[in-house]
Amino acid sequence: MDAQGFLAALTPAVTDADARERFLANPRAVLAVAGLDLPQWFTVSAREGDAAELIITVPGLREPDTDLSDAQLAGVPGGSGVWYVGIS
């Protein structure tokens, strides 16, 4: 999904009350339908606000060739995304 597709997926949440309710309830599902399949360890959340901003919290660095175990992945701090949608 490119930036245009991403914006196209978010725009209904700003212009249509039902789409907004669906997006706020399950942003991951709405983005997946639009073609943005995120890994399960990537937390997606949405909330209402006045700002149009995208915040991504990146977990700490690790060795590039080292895989994390499921237990390690469960303990990774951060990993949540907060999506603010607004159209000006």
C-alpha atoms as a PDB file:
ATOM      1  CA  MET A   1       0.000   0.000   0.000  1.00  0.00           C
ATOM      2  CA  ASP A   2       1.366   3.387  -0.932  1.00  0.00           C
ATOM      3  CA  ALA A   3       0.631   6.730   0.746  1.00  0.00           C
ATOM      4  CA  GLN A   4      -2.349   7.362  -1.559  1.00  0.00           C
ATOM      5  CA  GLY A   5      -3.889   4.011  -0.607  1.00  0.00           C
ATOM      6  CA  PHE A   6      -3.261   4.701   3.060  1.00  0.00           C
ATOM      7  CA  LEU A   7      -5.032   8.058   2.839  1.00  0.00           C
ATOM      8  CA  ALA A   8      -7.866   6.480   0.847  1.00  0.00           C
ATOM      9  CA  ALA A   9      -8.341   3.948   3.666  1.00  0.00           C
ATOM     10  CA  LEU A  10      -8.471   6.712   6.293  1.00  0.00           C
ATOM     11  CA  THR A  11     -10.609   9.293   4.496  1.00  0.00           C
ATOM     12  CA  PRO A  12     -13.969   7.537   5.083  1.00  0.00           C
ATOM     13  CA  ALA A  13     -13.288   7.643   8.838  1.00  0.00           C
ATOM     14  CA  VAL A  14     -13.242  11.428   8.566  1.00  0.00           C
ATOM     15  CA  THR A  15     -16.244  11.840   6.293  1.00  0.00           C
ATOM     16  CA  ASP A  16     -18.662   9.041   7.235  1.00  0.00           C
ATOM     17  CA  ALA A  17     -19.925   8.292  10.773  1.00  0.00           C
ATOM     18  CA  ASP A  18     -20.309   4.528  10.186  1.00  0.00           C
ATOM     19  CA  ALA A  19     -16.831   4.244   8.645  1.00  0.00           C
ATOM     20  CA  ARG A  20     -15.439   6.246  11.561  1.00  0.00           C
ATOM     21  CA  GLU A  21     -17.056   3.886  14.062  1.00  0.00           C
ATOM     22  CA  ARG A  22     -15.624   0.840  12.228  1.00  0.00           C
ATOM     23  CA  PHE A  23     -12.153   2.385  12.057  1.00  0.00           C
ATOM     24  CA  LEU A  24     -12.110   3.380  15.722  1.00  0.00           C
ATOM     25  CA  ALA A  25     -13.352  -0.090  16.733  1.00  0.00           C
ATOM     26  CA  ASN A  26     -10.852  -2.064  14.639  1.00  0.00           C
ATOM     27  CA  PRO A  27      -8.314  -0.008  12.689  1.00  0.00           C
ATOM     28  CA  ARG A  28      -6.213  -3.090  11.881  1.00  0.00           C
ATOM     29  CA  ALA A  29      -9.143  -4.724  10.061  1.00  0.00           C
ATOM     30  CA  VAL A  30      -9.970  -1.567   8.092  1.00  0.00           C
ATOM     31  CA  LEU A  31      -6.336  -1.168   7.031  1.00  0.00           C
ATOM     32  CA  ALA A  32      -6.087  -4.875   6.122  1.00  0.00           C
ATOM     33  CA  VAL A  33      -9.132  -4.602   3.850  1.00  0.00           C
ATOM     34  CA  ALA A  34      -7.391  -1.661   2.163  1.00  0.00           C
ATOM     35  CA  GLY A  35      -4.275  -3.774   1.596  1.00  0.00           C
ATOM     36  CA  LEU A  36      -2.064  -2.953   4.586  1.00  0.00           C
ATOM     37  CA  ASP A  37      -1.406  -6.264   6.325  1.00  0.00           C
ATOM     38  CA  LEU A  38       0.693  -5.572   9.389  1.00  0.00           C
ATOM     39  CA  PRO A  39       2.541  -8.237  11.395  1.00  0.00           C
ATOM     40  CA  GLN A  40       0.698  -9.447  14.500  1.00  0.00           C
ATOM     41  CA  TRP A  41       3.353  -7.987  16.801  1.00  0.00           C
ATOM     42  CA  PHE A  42       2.573  -4.493  15.464  1.00  0.00           C
ATOM     43  CA  THR A  43      -0.145  -2.972  17.630  1.00  0.00           C
ATOM     44  CA  VAL A  44      -2.589  -0.673  15.860  1.00  0.00           C
ATOM     45  CA  SER A  45      -4.883   1.686  17.731  1.00  0.00           C
ATOM     46  CA  ALA A  46      -6.971   4.693  16.771  1.00  0.00           C
ATOM     47  CA  ARG A  47      -8.515   7.501  18.728  1.00  0.00           C
ATOM     48  CA  GLU A  48     -10.329  10.707  17.982  1.00  0.00           C
ATOM     49  CA  GLY A  49      -8.478  13.991  18.055  1.00  0.00           C
ATOM     50  CA  ASP A  50      -7.855  17.275  16.280  1.00  0.00           C
ATOM     51  CA  ALA A  51      -4.411  16.522  14.855  1.00  0.00           C
ATOM     52  CA  ALA A  52      -3.607  14.764  11.603  1.00  0.00           C
ATOM     53  CA  GLU A  53      -0.511  12.882  12.700  1.00  0.00           C
ATOM     54  CA  LEU A  54       1.010   9.430  12.588  1.00  0.00           C
ATOM     55  CA  ILE A  55       3.090   8.224  15.538  1.00  0.00           C
ATOM     56  CA  ILE A  56       5.045   4.983  15.329  1.00  0.00           C
ATOM     57  CA  THR A  57       6.868   3.662  18.394  1.00  0.00           C
ATOM     58  CA  VAL A  58       9.850   1.575  17.333  1.00  0.00           C
ATOM     59  CA  PRO A  59      11.130  -1.203  19.637  1.00  0.00           C
ATOM     60  CA  GLY A  60      14.786  -1.124  20.721  1.00  0.00           C
ATOM     61  CA  LEU A  61      17.589  -2.225  18.390  1.00  0.00           C
ATOM     62  CA  ARG A  62      18.539  -5.869  18.036  1.00  0.00           C
ATOM     63  CA  GLU A  63      21.089  -7.803  16.022  1.00  0.00           C
ATOM     64  CA  PRO A  64      19.860  -7.936  12.399  1.00  0.00           C
ATOM     65  CA  ASP A  65      20.351 -11.710  12.074  1.00  0.00           C
ATOM     66  CA  THR A  66      18.832 -12.603  15.432  1.00  0.00           C
ATOM     67  CA  ASP A  67      15.224 -13.764  15.598  1.00  0.00           C
ATOM     68  CA  LEU A  68      13.256 -13.020  18.736  1.00  0.00           C
ATOM     69  CA  SER A  69      11.433 -15.863  20.429  1.00  0.00           C
ATOM     70  CA  ASP A  70       7.680 -15.602  20.974  1.00  0.00           C
ATOM     71  CA  ALA A  71       8.332 -14.886  24.667  1.00  0.00           C
ATOM     72  CA  GLN A  72      10.761 -12.089  23.757  1.00  0.00           C
ATOM     73  CA  LEU A  73       8.329 -10.599  21.252  1.00  0.00           C
ATOM     74  CA  ALA A  74       5.600 -10.573  23.901  1.00  0.00           C
ATOM     75  CA  GLY A  75       7.866  -8.477  26.137  1.00  0.00           C
ATOM     76  CA  VAL A  76       8.947  -5.918  23.541  1.00  0.00           C
ATOM     77  CA  PRO A  77       8.162  -2.434  24.866  1.00  0.00           C
ATOM     78  CA  GLY A  78       6.231  -0.033  22.701  1.00  0.00           C
ATOM     79  CA  GLY A  79       5.228  -1.390  19.343  1.00  0.00           C
ATOM     80  CA  SER A  80       1.981   0.514  19.315  1.00  0.00           C
ATOM     81  CA  GLY A  81       0.794   2.850  16.634  1.00  0.00           C
ATOM     82  CA  VAL A  82      -1.482   5.766  17.290  1.00  0.00           C
ATOM     83  CA  TRP A  83      -3.321   7.138  14.294  1.00  0.00           C
ATOM     84  CA  TYR A  84      -4.740  10.637  14.283  1.00  0.00           C
ATOM     85  CA  VAL A  85      -6.868  11.379  11.288  1.00  0.00           C
ATOM     86  CA  GLY A  86      -7.934  14.815  10.242  1.00  0.00           C
ATOM     87  CA  ILE A  87      -8.541  16.569   6.988  1.00  0.00           C
ATOM     88  CA  SER A  88      -7.950  20.246   6.619  1.00  0.00           C
END
